[in-house]
Structure formats: structure tokens, C-alpha cells
PDB file of N, CA and C in Angstrom:
ATOM      1  N   PRO A   1     -31.369  17.251  24.010  1.00  0.00           N
ATOM      2  CA  PRO A   1     -31.058  16.498  22.772  1.00  0.00           C
ATOM      3  C   PRO A   1     -32.313  15.891  22.106  1.00  0.00           C
ATOM      4  N   ASP A   2     -32.322  15.666  20.836  1.00  0.00           N
ATOM      5  CA  ASP A   2     -33.247  15.083  20.070  1.00  0.00           C
ATOM      6  C   ASP A   2     -33.195  13.551  20.098  1.00  0.00           C
ATOM      7  N   PRO A   3     -34.222  12.947  20.874  1.00  0.00           N
ATOM      8  CA  PRO A   3     -34.106  11.453  21.206  1.00  0.00           C
ATOM      9  C   PRO A   3     -34.200  10.645  19.854  1.00  0.00           C
ATOM     10  N   SER A   4     -34.691  11.268  18.710  1.00  0.00           N
ATOM     11  CA  SER A   4     -34.831  10.547  17.422  1.00  0.00           C
ATOM     12  C   SER A   4     -33.606  10.697  16.644  1.00  0.00           C
ATOM     13  N   ALA A   5     -32.696  11.659  17.034  1.00  0.00           N
ATOM     14  CA  ALA A   5     -31.417  11.689  16.260  1.00  0.00           C
ATOM     15  C   ALA A   5     -30.583  10.503  16.499  1.00  0.00           C
ATOM     16  N   PRO A   6     -29.796  10.145  15.390  1.00  0.00           N
ATOM     17  CA  PRO A   6     -28.822   8.934  15.541  1.00  0.00           C
ATOM     18  C   PRO A   6     -27.836   9.317  16.729  1.00  0.00           C
ATOM     19  N   ALA A   7     -27.297   8.258  17.334  1.00  0.00           N
ATOM     20  CA  ALA A   7     -26.197   8.361  18.388  1.00  0.00           C
ATOM     21  C   ALA A   7     -25.043   9.197  17.755  1.00  0.00           C
ATOM     22  N   GLY A   8     -24.690  10.209  18.477  1.00  0.00           N
ATOM     23  CA  GLY A   8     -23.377  11.032  18.002  1.00  0.00           C
ATOM     24  C   GLY A   8     -23.801  12.035  17.106  1.00  0.00           C
ATOM     25  N   ALA A   9     -24.924  12.172  16.571  1.00  0.00           N
ATOM     26  CA  ALA A   9     -25.301  13.121  15.539  1.00  0.00           C
ATOM     27  C   ALA A   9     -25.019  14.513  16.077  1.00  0.00           C
ATOM     28  N   ALA A  10     -25.491  14.911  17.364  1.00  0.00           N
ATOM     29  CA  ALA A  10     -25.332  16.150  18.002  1.00  0.00           C
ATOM     30  C   ALA A  10     -23.899  16.515  18.087  1.00  0.00           C
ATOM     31  N   SER A  11     -23.042  15.592  18.475  1.00  0.00           N
ATOM     32  CA  SER A  11     -21.646  15.967  18.472  1.00  0.00           C
ATOM     33  C   SER A  11     -20.923  16.105  17.202  1.00  0.00           C
ATOM     34  N   ALA A  12     -21.346  15.282  16.212  1.00  0.00           N
ATOM     35  CA  ALA A  12     -20.800  15.417  14.902  1.00  0.00           C
ATOM     36  C   ALA A  12     -21.128  16.776  14.287  1.00  0.00           C
ATOM     37  N   VAL A  13     -22.393  17.288  14.494  1.00  0.00           N
ATOM     38  CA  VAL A  13     -22.689  18.559  13.900  1.00  0.00           C
ATOM     39  C   VAL A  13     -21.921  19.694  14.749  1.00  0.00           C
ATOM     40  N   ALA A  14     -21.872  19.456  16.116  1.00  0.00           N
ATOM     41  CA  ALA A  14     -21.225  20.570  16.781  1.00  0.00           C
ATOM     42  C   ALA A  14     -19.692  20.676  16.432  1.00  0.00           C
ATOM     43  N   SER A  15     -19.075  19.477  16.048  1.00  0.00           N
ATOM     44  CA  SER A  15     -17.722  19.514  15.720  1.00  0.00           C
ATOM     45  C   SER A  15     -17.613  20.257  14.280  1.00  0.00           C
ATOM     46  N   MET A  16     -18.471  20.011  13.388  1.00  0.00           N
ATOM     47  CA  MET A  16     -18.517  20.480  12.060  1.00  0.00           C
ATOM     48  C   MET A  16     -18.732  22.035  12.232  1.00  0.00           C
ATOM     49  N   ALA A  17     -19.542  22.456  13.094  1.00  0.00           N
ATOM     50  CA  ALA A  17     -19.904  23.902  13.239  1.00  0.00           C
ATOM     51  C   ALA A  17     -18.982  24.728  14.051  1.00  0.00           C
ATOM     52  N   GLY A  18     -18.048  24.088  14.627  1.00  0.00           N
ATOM     53  CA  GLY A  18     -17.142  24.695  15.532  1.00  0.00           C
ATOM     54  C   GLY A  18     -16.320  25.846  15.017  1.00  0.00           C
ATOM     55  N   ALA A  19     -15.568  26.418  15.855  1.00  0.00           N
ATOM     56  CA  ALA A  19     -14.705  27.518  15.528  1.00  0.00           C
ATOM     57  C   ALA A  19     -13.509  27.009  14.580  1.00  0.00           C
ATOM     58  N   GLY A  20     -13.020  27.882  13.808  1.00  0.00           N
ATOM     59  CA  GLY A  20     -12.097  27.492  12.836  1.00  0.00           C
ATOM     60  C   GLY A  20     -12.526  26.633  11.748  1.00  0.00           C
ATOM     61  N   SER A  21     -13.600  26.979  11.121  1.00  0.00           N
ATOM     62  CA  SER A  21     -14.323  25.964  10.190  1.00  0.00           C
ATOM     63  C   SER A  21     -13.605  25.957   8.796  1.00  0.00           C
ATOM     64  N   SER A  22     -12.290  25.801   8.880  1.00  0.00           N
ATOM     65  CA  SER A  22     -11.518  25.596   7.716  1.00  0.00           C
ATOM     66  C   SER A  22     -11.954  24.482   6.963  1.00  0.00           C
ATOM     67  N   LEU A  23     -11.933  24.503   5.643  1.00  0.00           N
ATOM     68  CA  LEU A  23     -12.240  23.387   4.719  1.00  0.00           C
ATOM     69  C   LEU A  23     -11.148  22.560   4.286  1.00  0.00           C
ATOM     70  N   ARG A  24     -11.372  21.231   4.052  1.00  0.00           N
ATOM     71  CA  ARG A  24     -10.245  20.489   3.575  1.00  0.00           C
ATOM     72  C   ARG A  24      -9.734  21.019   2.156  1.00  0.00           C
ATOM     73  N   PRO A  25      -8.522  20.936   1.778  1.00  0.00           N
ATOM     74  CA  PRO A  25      -7.966  21.277   0.520  1.00  0.00           C
ATOM     75  C   PRO A  25      -8.770  20.495  -0.606  1.00  0.00           C
ATOM     76  N   GLY A  26      -9.079  21.155  -1.629  1.00  0.00           N
ATOM     77  CA  GLY A  26      -9.817  20.554  -2.660  1.00  0.00           C
ATOM     78  C   GLY A  26     -11.273  20.391  -2.526  1.00  0.00           C
ATOM     79  N   THR A  27     -11.852  20.891  -1.442  1.00  0.00           N
ATOM     80  CA  THR A  27     -13.408  20.846  -1.254  1.00  0.00           C
ATOM     81  C   THR A  27     -13.926  21.563  -2.298  1.00  0.00           C
ATOM     82  N   PRO A  28     -14.905  20.835  -3.172  1.00  0.00           N
ATOM     83  CA  PRO A  28     -15.660  21.471  -4.192  1.00  0.00           C
ATOM     84  C   PRO A  28     -16.545  22.631  -3.655  1.00  0.00           C
ATOM     85  N   TYR A  29     -16.592  23.636  -4.407  1.00  0.00           N
ATOM     86  CA  TYR A  29     -17.585  24.826  -4.133  1.00  0.00           C
ATOM     87  C   TYR A  29     -16.995  25.404  -2.807  1.00  0.00           C
ATOM     88  N   ALA A  30     -15.793  25.334  -2.428  1.00  0.00           N
ATOM     89  CA  ALA A  30     -15.240  25.983  -1.245  1.00  0.00           C
ATOM     90  C   ALA A  30     -15.591  27.491  -1.150  1.00  0.00           C
ATOM     91  N   HIS A  31     -15.410  28.101  -2.287  1.00  0.00           N
ATOM     92  CA  HIS A  31     -15.604  29.665  -2.290  1.00  0.00           C
ATOM     93  C   HIS A  31     -16.980  29.862  -2.010  1.00  0.00           C
ATOM     94  N   LEU A  32     -17.961  29.026  -2.368  1.00  0.00           N
ATOM     95  CA  LEU A  32     -19.318  29.409  -2.092  1.00  0.00           C
ATOM     96  C   LEU A  32     -19.716  29.124  -0.602  1.00  0.00           C
ATOM     97  N   PHE A  33     -19.065  28.062  -0.001  1.00  0.00           N
ATOM     98  CA  PHE A  33     -19.303  27.877   1.334  1.00  0.00           C
ATOM     99  C   PHE A  33     -18.650  28.871   2.226  1.00  0.00           C
ATOM    100  N   ARG A  34     -17.568  29.390   1.888  1.00  0.00           N
ATOM    101  CA  ARG A  34     -16.924  30.345   2.611  1.00  0.00           C
ATOM    102  C   ARG A  34     -17.675  31.792   2.577  1.00  0.00           C
ATOM    103  N   LYS A  35     -18.161  32.072   1.347  1.00  0.00           N
ATOM    104  CA  LYS A  35     -19.039  33.283   1.185  1.00  0.00           C
ATOM    105  C   LYS A  35     -20.285  33.239   2.082  1.00  0.00           C
ATOM    106  N   ALA A  36     -20.913  31.956   2.138  1.00  0.00           N
ATOM    107  CA  ALA A  36     -21.997  31.831   2.887  1.00  0.00           C
ATOM    108  C   ALA A  36     -21.766  31.951   4.315  1.00  0.00           C
ATOM    109  N   GLU A  37     -20.485  31.454   4.782  1.00  0.00           N
ATOM    110  CA  GLU A  37     -20.085  31.650   6.154  1.00  0.00           C
ATOM    111  C   GLU A  37     -19.918  33.086   6.540  1.00  0.00           C
ATOM    112  N   ALA A  38     -19.200  33.836   5.672  1.00  0.00           N
ATOM    113  CA  ALA A  38     -19.064  35.174   5.852  1.00  0.00           C
ATOM    114  C   ALA A  38     -20.226  36.043   5.890  1.00  0.00           C
ATOM    115  N   ASP A  39     -21.171  35.732   4.834  1.00  0.00           N
ATOM    116  CA  ASP A  39     -22.440  36.421   4.752  1.00  0.00           C
ATOM    117  C   ASP A  39     -23.464  36.084   5.815  1.00  0.00           C
ATOM    118  N   TYR A  40     -23.515  34.925   6.268  1.00  0.00           N
ATOM    119  CA  TYR A  40     -24.769  34.441   7.003  1.00  0.00           C
ATOM    120  C   TYR A  40     -24.208  33.900   8.460  1.00  0.00           C
ATOM    121  N   GLY A  41     -23.036  33.630   8.535  1.00  0.00           N
ATOM    122  CA  GLY A  41     -22.609  33.127   9.887  1.00  0.00           C
ATOM    123  C   GLY A  41     -22.760  31.551  10.022  1.00  0.00           C
ATOM    124  N   VAL A  42     -22.962  30.962   8.872  1.00  0.00           N
ATOM    125  CA  VAL A  42     -23.168  29.437   8.891  1.00  0.00           C
ATOM    126  C   VAL A  42     -21.778  28.822   8.570  1.00  0.00           C
ATOM    127  N   SER A  43     -21.336  27.913   9.354  1.00  0.00           N
ATOM    128  CA  SER A  43     -20.121  27.245   9.275  1.00  0.00           C
ATOM    129  C   SER A  43     -19.858  26.740   7.793  1.00  0.00           C
ATOM    130  N   ALA A  44     -18.701  27.068   7.080  1.00  0.00           N
ATOM    131  CA  ALA A  44     -18.423  26.462   5.888  1.00  0.00           C
ATOM    132  C   ALA A  44     -18.328  25.049   5.867  1.00  0.00           C
ATOM    133  N   ARG A  45     -17.644  24.553   6.968  1.00  0.00           N
ATOM    134  CA  ARG A  45     -17.449  23.006   7.157  1.00  0.00           C
ATOM    135  C   ARG A  45     -18.715  22.392   7.178  1.00  0.00           C
ATOM    136  N   LEU A  46     -19.747  23.019   7.968  1.00  0.00           N
ATOM    137  CA  LEU A  46     -21.015  22.336   8.021  1.00  0.00           C
ATOM    138  C   LEU A  46     -21.786  22.316   6.658  1.00  0.00           C
ATOM    139  N   LEU A  47     -21.689  23.459   5.983  1.00  0.00           N
ATOM    140  CA  LEU A  47     -22.332  23.388   4.650  1.00  0.00           C
ATOM    141  C   LEU A  47     -21.749  22.500   3.732  1.00  0.00           C
ATOM    142  N   ALA A  48     -20.407  22.299   3.591  1.00  0.00           N
ATOM    143  CA  ALA A  48     -19.690  21.499   2.916  1.00  0.00           C
ATOM    144  C   ALA A  48     -20.088  19.930   3.255  1.00  0.00           C
ATOM    145  N   SER A  49     -20.248  19.666   4.483  1.00  0.00           N
ATOM    146  CA  SER A  49     -20.574  18.428   4.987  1.00  0.00           C
ATOM    147  C   SER A  49     -21.954  17.991   4.540  1.00  0.00           C
ATOM    148  N   VAL A  50     -22.895  18.869   4.539  1.00  0.00           N
ATOM    149  CA  VAL A  50     -24.276  18.569   4.209  1.00  0.00           C
ATOM    150  C   VAL A  50     -24.379  18.380   2.603  1.00  0.00           C
ATOM    151  N   ALA A  51     -23.503  19.225   1.911  1.00  0.00           N
ATOM    152  CA  ALA A  51     -23.558  19.113   0.471  1.00  0.00           C
ATOM    153  C   ALA A  51     -22.974  17.761   0.077  1.00  0.00           C
ATOM    154  N   GLN A  52     -21.848  17.284   0.766  1.00  0.00           N
ATOM    155  CA  GLN A  52     -21.241  16.007   0.520  1.00  0.00           C
ATOM    156  C   GLN A  52     -22.177  14.774   0.700  1.00  0.00           C
ATOM    157  N   GLN A  53     -22.815  14.944   1.917  1.00  0.00           N
ATOM    158  CA  GLN A  53     -23.810  13.828   2.317  1.00  0.00           C
ATOM    159  C   GLN A  53     -25.045  13.814   1.455  1.00  0.00           C
ATOM    160  N   GLU A  54     -25.583  15.045   1.186  1.00  0.00           N
ATOM    161  CA  GLU A  54     -26.898  15.016   0.464  1.00  0.00           C
ATOM    162  C   GLU A  54     -26.721  14.794  -0.987  1.00  0.00           C
ATOM    163  N   SER A  55     -25.665  15.282  -1.740  1.00  0.00           N
ATOM    164  CA  SER A  55     -25.563  15.201  -3.112  1.00  0.00           C
ATOM    165  C   SER A  55     -24.246  14.630  -3.731  1.00  0.00           C
ATOM    166  N   GLY A  56     -23.259  14.457  -2.791  1.00  0.00           N
ATOM    167  CA  GLY A  56     -21.952  14.066  -3.205  1.00  0.00           C
ATOM    168  C   GLY A  56     -21.267  15.187  -4.037  1.00  0.00           C
ATOM    169  N   PHE A  57     -21.691  16.476  -3.814  1.00  0.00           N
ATOM    170  CA  PHE A  57     -21.199  17.651  -4.449  1.00  0.00           C
ATOM    171  C   PHE A  57     -21.747  17.703  -5.976  1.00  0.00           C
ATOM    172  N   ASN A  58     -22.706  16.985  -6.200  1.00  0.00           N
ATOM    173  CA  ASN A  58     -23.322  16.930  -7.565  1.00  0.00           C
ATOM    174  C   ASN A  58     -24.434  17.936  -7.707  1.00  0.00           C
ATOM    175  N   PRO A  59     -24.290  19.032  -8.284  1.00  0.00           N
ATOM    176  CA  PRO A  59     -25.231  20.128  -8.432  1.00  0.00           C
ATOM    177  C   PRO A  59     -26.547  19.777  -9.221  1.00  0.00           C
ATOM    178  N   ARG A  60     -26.467  18.674  -9.977  1.00  0.00           N
ATOM    179  CA  ARG A  60     -27.505  18.117 -10.853  1.00  0.00           C
ATOM    180  C   ARG A  60     -28.133  17.051 -10.151  1.00  0.00           C
ATOM    181  N   ALA A  61     -27.850  16.708  -8.902  1.00  0.00           N
ATOM    182  CA  ALA A  61     -28.530  15.577  -8.222  1.00  0.00           C
ATOM    183  C   ALA A  61     -29.898  15.901  -8.006  1.00  0.00           C
ATOM    184  N   VAL A  62     -30.764  14.810  -8.124  1.00  0.00           N
ATOM    185  CA  VAL A  62     -32.184  14.884  -7.970  1.00  0.00           C
ATOM    186  C   VAL A  62     -32.620  13.591  -7.170  1.00  0.00           C
ATOM    187  N   SER A  63     -33.283  13.759  -6.093  1.00  0.00           N
ATOM    188  CA  SER A  63     -33.613  12.534  -5.262  1.00  0.00           C
ATOM    189  C   SER A  63     -35.001  11.911  -5.855  1.00  0.00           C
ATOM    190  N   SER A  64     -35.257  10.834  -5.331  1.00  0.00           N
ATOM    191  CA  SER A  64     -36.507  10.135  -5.775  1.00  0.00           C
ATOM    192  C   SER A  64     -37.793  10.994  -5.333  1.00  0.00           C
ATOM    193  N   ALA A  65     -37.559  11.835  -4.216  1.00  0.00           N
ATOM    194  CA  ALA A  65     -38.633  12.579  -3.770  1.00  0.00           C
ATOM    195  C   ALA A  65     -38.623  13.958  -4.486  1.00  0.00           C
ATOM    196  N   GLY A  66     -37.765  14.259  -5.357  1.00  0.00           N
ATOM    197  CA  GLY A  66     -37.758  15.519  -6.093  1.00  0.00           C
ATOM    198  C   GLY A  66     -36.823  16.635  -5.483  1.00  0.00           C
ATOM    199  N   ALA A  67     -36.090  16.361  -4.542  1.00  0.00           N
ATOM    200  CA  ALA A  67     -35.178  17.340  -3.925  1.00  0.00           C
ATOM    201  C   ALA A  67     -33.888  17.474  -4.877  1.00  0.00           C
ATOM    202  N   GLN A  68     -33.572  18.690  -5.165  1.00  0.00           N
ATOM    203  CA  GLN A  68     -32.501  19.007  -6.160  1.00  0.00           C
ATOM    204  C   GLN A  68     -31.328  19.738  -5.632  1.00  0.00           C
ATOM    205  N   GLY A  69     -30.249  19.570  -6.380  1.00  0.00           N
ATOM    206  CA  GLY A  69     -28.951  20.390  -6.137  1.00  0.00           C
ATOM    207  C   GLY A  69     -28.051  19.943  -5.072  1.00  0.00           C
ATOM    208  N   LEU A  70     -27.083  20.697  -4.853  1.00  0.00           N
ATOM    209  CA  LEU A  70     -26.115  20.328  -3.857  1.00  0.00           C
ATOM    210  C   LEU A  70     -26.641  20.130  -2.498  1.00  0.00           C
ATOM    211  N   MET A  71     -27.569  20.785  -2.085  1.00  0.00           N
ATOM    212  CA  MET A  71     -28.145  20.669  -0.710  1.00  0.00           C
ATOM    213  C   MET A  71     -29.465  19.977  -0.547  1.00  0.00           C
ATOM    214  N   GLN A  72     -29.872  19.514  -1.865  1.00  0.00           N
ATOM    215  CA  GLN A  72     -31.119  18.741  -2.062  1.00  0.00           C
ATOM    216  C   GLN A  72     -32.328  19.423  -1.358  1.00  0.00           C
ATOM    217  N   LEU A  73     -32.720  20.632  -1.934  1.00  0.00           N
ATOM    218  CA  LEU A  73     -33.720  21.360  -1.429  1.00  0.00           C
ATOM    219  C   LEU A  73     -34.839  20.957  -2.417  1.00  0.00           C
ATOM    220  N   MET A  74     -36.202  20.948  -1.803  1.00  0.00           N
ATOM    221  CA  MET A  74     -37.287  20.751  -2.580  1.00  0.00           C
ATOM    222  C   MET A  74     -37.536  22.053  -3.443  1.00  0.00           C
ATOM    223  N   PRO A  75     -38.136  21.845  -4.708  1.00  0.00           N
ATOM    224  CA  PRO A  75     -38.107  23.133  -5.585  1.00  0.00           C
ATOM    225  C   PRO A  75     -39.109  24.176  -4.841  1.00  0.00           C
ATOM    226  N   ALA A  76     -40.022  23.951  -4.120  1.00  0.00           N
ATOM    227  CA  ALA A  76     -40.934  24.963  -3.653  1.00  0.00           C
ATOM    228  C   ALA A  76     -40.105  25.655  -2.410  1.00  0.00           C
ATOM    229  N   THR A  77     -39.309  24.897  -1.790  1.00  0.00           N
ATOM    230  CA  THR A  77     -38.480  25.492  -0.595  1.00  0.00           C
ATOM    231  C   THR A  77     -37.387  26.320  -1.212  1.00  0.00           C
ATOM    232  N   ALA A  78     -36.761  25.926  -2.327  1.00  0.00           N
ATOM    233  CA  ALA A  78     -35.909  26.769  -2.966  1.00  0.00           C
ATOM    234  C   ALA A  78     -36.454  28.067  -3.468  1.00  0.00           C
ATOM    235  N   ARG A  79     -37.584  27.962  -4.145  1.00  0.00           N
ATOM    236  CA  ARG A  79     -38.248  29.224  -4.484  1.00  0.00           C
ATOM    237  C   ARG A  79     -38.611  30.148  -3.435  1.00  0.00           C
ATOM    238  N   GLY A  80     -39.085  29.536  -2.330  1.00  0.00           N
ATOM    239  CA  GLY A  80     -39.377  30.316  -1.165  1.00  0.00           C
ATOM    240  C   GLY A  80     -38.330  31.134  -0.547  1.00  0.00           C
ATOM    241  N   LEU A  81     -37.055  30.371  -0.642  1.00  0.00           N
ATOM    242  CA  LEU A  81     -35.786  31.086  -0.168  1.00  0.00           C
ATOM    243  C   LEU A  81     -35.269  32.023  -1.100  1.00  0.00           C
ATOM    244  N   GLY A  82     -35.743  32.133  -2.273  1.00  0.00           N
ATOM    245  CA  GLY A  82     -35.168  32.955  -3.296  1.00  0.00           C
ATOM    246  C   GLY A  82     -33.836  32.417  -3.971  1.00  0.00           C
TER     247      GLY A  82
END
């Protein structure tokens, strides 16, 4: 375990990434999270949780550091990932 991680963070991530990663009804961008889960094997629940935490599901969100979008990627990182 990462000693710098907040208490309970590992169990929270594990529960979000667990089997049966169904999303709550009305989750914004659910179709995109489900497609990413099917295409890349990343939990749709985990992706939705990150988007909710990072941007409040606002695709136009920009942080004071310059991170952008739902998942708050830095522009250079986003470019590098295509």
C-alpha cells in the first residue's frame, strides 16, 4: 500500500473497480465510460468516479494548473495519448 495515500483510498478504488461495474442511473457520459470499459478493460464506475471528482462532469473544466476536461488531463498528456 502507498503510505502517502489517504486512509481508505485503496479500498475505495478497489470497490469502484470491482466486478459488476454498473453505473448509477443518470450518470453523465455513461455511454463513453461503458465503451472505454469494453474497449480497454477499465471499470466504467472508476472512470465515472474520476470524472465526477476531477471536473464534476464538466467537459469544459480547466484547473488553475491548466488541466482540462472531464478527466482533467494536462494538454501535453492529452496530446501524447492521442
